[in-house]
Amino acid sequence: MRIFSKLDEMIGYVEELKEMLPEDEEDYLQDLVSRRACEKTIEVAIDSLIDASAMVVSAEKFGLPASEEGIFDILVRRRVISRDLGEILKDLKGFRNILIHRYTHVADDIVYYNLSKYLDDFYLFKSIIESFLEIEK
């Protein structure tokens, strides 16, 4: 199933990010190449997460979301994911938009914080979606 492949792709990016993300914030702040690589990698990981979410909504015929954020609202409403996880996923999507569009100058220490804070949520999301899809078979 394509959804499982997309989830594996997402985790692949997260694993890459874990390898390249310096353990120390100071090291991260001093290494421009590392910062940019981490930013791009989290961006594509979040893209994969959004794609996988949209695939679930489509495959399960949950309806059409009004926006990308609406995908997460549908998954919450259908009790695929918790409200808390839905809010985290919306935060990740907003973080991705900031990185992509550079709405404002992004403080590198805040980026490092977000990179460190959210990585486990990708694994949680994958586990929940896989469990949901197994039950639905």
C-alpha atoms as a PDB file:
ATOM      1  CA  MET A   1       0.000   0.000   0.000  1.00  0.00           C
ATOM      2  CA  ARG A   2       1.371   3.434  -0.950  1.00  0.00           C
ATOM      3  CA  ILE A   3       0.575   4.876   2.475  1.00  0.00           C
ATOM      4  CA  PHE A   4       3.018   2.489   4.144  1.00  0.00           C
ATOM      5  CA  SER A   5       5.716   3.480   1.640  1.00  0.00           C
ATOM      6  CA  LYS A   6       5.080   7.144   2.355  1.00  0.00           C
ATOM      7  CA  LEU A   7       5.315   6.514   6.103  1.00  0.00           C
ATOM      8  CA  ASP A   8       8.613   4.665   5.592  1.00  0.00           C
ATOM      9  CA  GLU A   9       9.890   7.544   3.467  1.00  0.00           C
ATOM     10  CA  MET A  10       8.954   9.983   6.232  1.00  0.00           C
ATOM     11  CA  ILE A  11      10.800   7.951   8.863  1.00  0.00           C
ATOM     12  CA  GLY A  12      13.791   7.697   6.540  1.00  0.00           C
ATOM     13  CA  TYR A  13      14.017  11.486   6.508  1.00  0.00           C
ATOM     14  CA  VAL A  14      13.649  11.611  10.293  1.00  0.00           C
ATOM     15  CA  GLU A  15      16.448   9.057  10.679  1.00  0.00           C
ATOM     16  CA  GLU A  16      18.660  11.144   8.379  1.00  0.00           C
ATOM     17  CA  LEU A  17      17.827  14.217  10.409  1.00  0.00           C
ATOM     18  CA  LYS A  18      18.713  12.474  13.654  1.00  0.00           C
ATOM     19  CA  GLU A  19      22.104  11.564  12.179  1.00  0.00           C
ATOM     20  CA  MET A  20      22.899  15.073  10.960  1.00  0.00           C
ATOM     21  CA  LEU A  21      21.405  17.114  13.813  1.00  0.00           C
ATOM     22  CA  PRO A  22      24.186  18.106  16.213  1.00  0.00           C
ATOM     23  CA  GLU A  23      23.520  17.057  19.799  1.00  0.00           C
ATOM     24  CA  ASP A  24      24.590  20.471  20.999  1.00  0.00           C
ATOM     25  CA  GLU A  25      22.661  23.607  20.030  1.00  0.00           C
ATOM     26  CA  GLU A  26      25.871  25.645  19.920  1.00  0.00           C
ATOM     27  CA  ASP A  27      27.333  23.302  17.287  1.00  0.00           C
ATOM     28  CA  TYR A  28      24.126  23.623  15.284  1.00  0.00           C
ATOM     29  CA  LEU A  29      24.205  27.412  15.459  1.00  0.00           C
ATOM     30  CA  GLN A  30      27.816  27.573  14.260  1.00  0.00           C
ATOM     31  CA  ASP A  31      27.425  25.262  11.240  1.00  0.00           C
ATOM     32  CA  LEU A  32      25.524  26.868   8.360  1.00  0.00           C
ATOM     33  CA  VAL A  33      25.689  23.776   6.146  1.00  0.00           C
ATOM     34  CA  SER A  34      24.277  21.597   8.920  1.00  0.00           C
ATOM     35  CA  ARG A  35      21.505  24.101   9.645  1.00  0.00           C
ATOM     36  CA  ARG A  36      20.401  24.259   6.027  1.00  0.00           C
ATOM     37  CA  ALA A  37      20.570  20.475   5.619  1.00  0.00           C
ATOM     38  CA  CYS A  38      18.471  19.976   8.752  1.00  0.00           C
ATOM     39  CA  GLU A  39      15.929  22.566   7.614  1.00  0.00           C
ATOM     40  CA  LYS A  40      15.499  20.908   4.223  1.00  0.00           C
ATOM     41  CA  THR A  41      15.299  17.441   5.733  1.00  0.00           C
ATOM     42  CA  ILE A  42      12.595  18.376   8.243  1.00  0.00           C
ATOM     43  CA  GLU A  43      10.735  20.106   5.419  1.00  0.00           C
ATOM     44  CA  VAL A  44      10.598  16.936   3.303  1.00  0.00           C
ATOM     45  CA  ALA A  45       9.758  14.810   6.368  1.00  0.00           C
ATOM     46  CA  ILE A  46       6.782  17.071   7.086  1.00  0.00           C
ATOM     47  CA  ASP A  47       5.787  16.968   3.406  1.00  0.00           C
ATOM     48  CA  SER A  48       5.744  13.171   3.632  1.00  0.00           C
ATOM     49  CA  LEU A  49       3.652  13.338   6.800  1.00  0.00           C
ATOM     50  CA  ILE A  50       1.123  15.626   5.086  1.00  0.00           C
ATOM     51  CA  ASP A  51       1.055  13.349   2.025  1.00  0.00           C
ATOM     52  CA  ALA A  52       0.490  10.238   4.157  1.00  0.00           C
ATOM     53  CA  SER A  53      -2.310  12.012   6.035  1.00  0.00           C
ATOM     54  CA  ALA A  54      -3.980  13.012   2.780  1.00  0.00           C
ATOM     55  CA  MET A  55      -3.652   9.440   1.483  1.00  0.00           C
ATOM     56  CA  VAL A  56      -5.446   8.083   4.562  1.00  0.00           C
ATOM     57  CA  VAL A  57      -8.247  10.634   4.215  1.00  0.00           C
ATOM     58  CA  SER A  58      -8.612   9.770   0.528  1.00  0.00           C
ATOM     59  CA  ALA A  59      -8.340   5.978   0.912  1.00  0.00           C
ATOM     60  CA  GLU A  60     -10.897   5.935   3.698  1.00  0.00           C
ATOM     61  CA  LYS A  61     -13.195   8.317   1.795  1.00  0.00           C
ATOM     62  CA  PHE A  62     -13.359  10.685   4.767  1.00  0.00           C
ATOM     63  CA  GLY A  63     -14.234  13.665   2.562  1.00  0.00           C
ATOM     64  CA  LEU A  64     -12.423  16.611   1.087  1.00  0.00           C
ATOM     65  CA  PRO A  65     -10.522  18.885   3.438  1.00  0.00           C
ATOM     66  CA  ALA A  66     -10.827  22.626   2.916  1.00  0.00           C
ATOM     67  CA  SER A  67      -7.067  23.007   3.426  1.00  0.00           C
ATOM     68  CA  GLU A  68      -3.952  21.009   4.305  1.00  0.00           C
ATOM     69  CA  GLU A  69      -4.664  21.709   7.983  1.00  0.00           C
ATOM     70  CA  GLY A  70      -8.148  20.376   7.410  1.00  0.00           C
ATOM     71  CA  ILE A  71      -6.613  16.966   6.709  1.00  0.00           C
ATOM     72  CA  PHE A  72      -5.565  16.767  10.360  1.00  0.00           C
ATOM     73  CA  ASP A  73      -8.980  17.978  11.538  1.00  0.00           C
ATOM     74  CA  ILE A  74     -10.605  15.142   9.595  1.00  0.00           C
ATOM     75  CA  LEU A  75      -8.233  12.578  11.112  1.00  0.00           C
ATOM     76  CA  VAL A  76      -9.079  13.903  14.581  1.00  0.00           C
ATOM     77  CA  ARG A  77     -12.827  13.959  13.877  1.00  0.00           C
ATOM     78  CA  ARG A  78     -12.678  10.365  12.593  1.00  0.00           C
ATOM     79  CA  ARG A  79     -10.686   9.385  15.719  1.00  0.00           C
ATOM     80  CA  VAL A  80      -7.687   8.215  13.726  1.00  0.00           C
ATOM     81  CA  ILE A  81      -5.424  10.521  15.741  1.00  0.00           C
ATOM     82  CA  SER A  82      -5.886  12.339  19.037  1.00  0.00           C
ATOM     83  CA  ARG A  83      -6.708  16.028  19.251  1.00  0.00           C
ATOM     84  CA  ASP A  84      -3.288  16.638  20.820  1.00  0.00           C
ATOM     85  CA  LEU A  85      -1.487  14.911  17.957  1.00  0.00           C
ATOM     86  CA  GLY A  86      -3.643  16.819  15.481  1.00  0.00           C
ATOM     87  CA  GLU A  87      -2.472  20.101  17.021  1.00  0.00           C
ATOM     88  CA  ILE A  88       1.151  18.964  16.899  1.00  0.00           C
ATOM     89  CA  LEU A  89       0.779  18.072  13.222  1.00  0.00           C
ATOM     90  CA  LYS A  90      -0.710  21.496  12.523  1.00  0.00           C
ATOM     91  CA  ASP A  91       2.246  23.065  14.336  1.00  0.00           C
ATOM     92  CA  LEU A  92       4.621  21.027  12.179  1.00  0.00           C
ATOM     93  CA  LYS A  93       2.845  22.147   9.025  1.00  0.00           C
ATOM     94  CA  GLY A  94       3.081  25.774  10.171  1.00  0.00           C
ATOM     95  CA  PHE A  95       6.775  25.309  10.963  1.00  0.00           C
ATOM     96  CA  ARG A  96       7.317  23.867   7.474  1.00  0.00           C
ATOM     97  CA  ASN A  97       5.577  26.864   5.915  1.00  0.00           C
ATOM     98  CA  ILE A  98       7.802  29.248   7.845  1.00  0.00           C
ATOM     99  CA  LEU A  99      10.903  27.390   6.655  1.00  0.00           C
ATOM    100  CA  ILE A 100       9.755  27.274   3.046  1.00  0.00           C
ATOM    101  CA  HIS A 101       8.418  30.782   2.683  1.00  0.00           C
ATOM    102  CA  ARG A 102      10.629  32.567   5.210  1.00  0.00           C
ATOM    103  CA  TYR A 103       7.673  34.659   6.334  1.00  0.00           C
ATOM    104  CA  THR A 104       9.974  36.167   8.900  1.00  0.00           C
ATOM    105  CA  HIS A 105      13.591  35.585   9.679  1.00  0.00           C
ATOM    106  CA  VAL A 106      13.628  32.252  11.435  1.00  0.00           C
ATOM    107  CA  ALA A 107      15.737  32.271  14.580  1.00  0.00           C
ATOM    108  CA  ASP A 108      18.124  29.333  14.345  1.00  0.00           C
ATOM    109  CA  ASP A 109      17.783  28.525  18.047  1.00  0.00           C
ATOM    110  CA  ILE A 110      14.019  28.171  17.610  1.00  0.00           C
ATOM    111  CA  VAL A 111      14.560  25.926  14.583  1.00  0.00           C
ATOM    112  CA  TYR A 112      16.925  23.751  16.631  1.00  0.00           C
ATOM    113  CA  TYR A 113      14.371  23.565  19.430  1.00  0.00           C
ATOM    114  CA  ASN A 114      11.633  22.476  17.006  1.00  0.00           C
ATOM    115  CA  LEU A 115      13.907  19.936  15.327  1.00  0.00           C
ATOM    116  CA  SER A 116      14.741  18.421  18.701  1.00  0.00           C
ATOM    117  CA  LYS A 117      11.195  18.586  20.079  1.00  0.00           C
ATOM    118  CA  TYR A 118       9.116  17.020  17.317  1.00  0.00           C
ATOM    119  CA  LEU A 119      11.138  14.055  16.044  1.00  0.00           C
ATOM    120  CA  ASP A 120       9.405  11.481  18.254  1.00  0.00           C
ATOM    121  CA  ASP A 121       6.014  12.679  17.017  1.00  0.00           C
ATOM    122  CA  PHE A 122       6.803  11.327  13.547  1.00  0.00           C
ATOM    123  CA  TYR A 123       7.260   7.828  15.006  1.00  0.00           C
ATOM    124  CA  LEU A 124       4.049   8.168  16.992  1.00  0.00           C
ATOM    125  CA  PHE A 125       2.161   9.266  13.887  1.00  0.00           C
ATOM    126  CA  LYS A 126       3.526   6.324  11.877  1.00  0.00           C
ATOM    127  CA  SER A 127       2.585   3.847  14.589  1.00  0.00           C
ATOM    128  CA  ILE A 128      -0.951   5.206  14.933  1.00  0.00           C
ATOM    129  CA  ILE A 129      -1.589   5.261  11.184  1.00  0.00           C
ATOM    130  CA  GLU A 130      -0.213   1.741  10.709  1.00  0.00           C
ATOM    131  CA  SER A 131      -2.373   0.435  13.562  1.00  0.00           C
ATOM    132  CA  PHE A 132      -5.439   2.182  12.140  1.00  0.00           C
ATOM    133  CA  LEU A 133      -4.848   0.735   8.670  1.00  0.00           C
ATOM    134  CA  GLU A 134      -4.304  -2.776  10.049  1.00  0.00           C
ATOM    135  CA  ILE A 135      -7.610  -2.583  11.919  1.00  0.00           C
ATOM    136  CA  GLU A 136      -9.396  -1.304   8.814  1.00  0.00           C
ATOM    137  CA  LYS A 137      -8.298  -4.285   6.676  1.00  0.00           C
END
